[in-house]
Amino acid sequence: MTIATMRSSLTQDDIRRLVRGDSPEARANAAHKICRRLDTIELTEAESESARQVLDLMCNDAAVLVRRALAVTLRNSPKLPRDIAIKLAKDVDAVAIPVLKNSPVITDEDLVEIVLSGSQEKQVAIAQRPMLGEGLTEVIALYGAKPAVEACTLNEGAAFSDDAYAGLLKRFANDNDIKGALINRSLLPVHVTEKLVNMVAGELFDRLVNKHELPPQLAIEIASGARERATLDLVEQAGLSTDPERFVQQLHLNGRLTPSLVMRSLCLGHINFVEYAMAELAGVPRSKAWLMMHDAGTLGLKTIFERAGLPSGMFTAFRLAIDIYHKTELDGGPGDRDRFRQRMVERVLTQFQAIPRADLEYLLEKLDALDTAREQGAIAAA
């Protein structure tokens, strides 16, 4: 398909304006229309090559406006030829940034080269791509300008290797902006959290220890007041733990695996932690604890409850919470964990009033926090 034979899909005026347009604006409008059409029609292999020649014509136009029209219109398109995408990515920032942020045809190897040789603005654009592989993230962390590193750190689609974390923490050890961005990530490896504990203070310290999983002994130490002024919620740490068995064992060794902690965790839906806690307290394998709690009827639940040494007066509330858990399913939608927790707490509070006062106040605080978060989310979405 030559330019002439493209007239079946594009008008003669479109082609004329692209080739002979008197002004950049006229050529940019023609480029935009042609790119949109090329992105929506199916082309044969021969037609694709001819289309590539048309795109190359736009890519070499002297006017930035025309090249930007090409870059913006096909920034998300898998039909943009890779060689043209790379030309655009190495162009001036106004042309390159839409492609660097979005184009699926540019490889991580291409992007690494641009990170190492491109402008700060290009580095930031790359750092904001929806997905970043570990190798690319590592190059940004080690060699990118600070704004690019911060953007990468805030990007939940960026995969960080241990080397990237280590390099970033070494390079920006005294930079609270970068450390704050790191703390804002939804998940951090435990060894990174542990290292950050010794690198931040004040509000950053509070956010770090209450948002991310800590090594069990460190969590207990902080909760006991041995570290700074943070008030650490061991129930939330229990929910964050990726090794609940070890967490439970450390709590037990330190005398912190209390009936109140188990009950609070149950009411907030941390059932995995509760199963390990009951197993530890009762001295049985977790598989047996699970069977007695969930699949052996009321007698099995009462047996493990008594074997765990929990107060008899708490059994009715414990049994009710287990029943509510079985009837309250996660729905798989956005925010389902928070909705699940809200339903659990509300039902426990409304169906059983004889909860110990400290636990009642704790659960009410959690309910208020969930309501506040939901209201803020609704306001932000409005």
Foldseek 3Di string as FASTA:
>chain_A
DAPVVCCVQPPPLLSCCCVPNPDLVSNLVSLLVLLLSVQPDDDDPVVLVNVLVSLVSQLPDPDPSSLQSNCQNCLAGPSNDAVSLLSQCPDPLSRNLSNLQHYPSHDLVSLLVCQQPHDLSSLLSNLNHQAAEQVSLQSCLQRHDPNSVLSNLLRLRYDHDPNSLVNNCVVPLPPVSNLQSNLPHQADDQVSLVVVCVRDDDPSNQSSQARYAYDLVVLVCVCVVVGHDHNHDVLSNCLRDPCLLNNLVSCVVVVNLALLSLLLNLLQPSVVNNLSNLCVLLVHDSVLSCCLLPPDPPVSNVVSCVSSVHDPVCSVLVNVSSVLSVVQDQPPDPPSSLVSSLSSLVCSVVVDPPDPPVSVVVSVVSNVVSVVVVVVVVVVVD
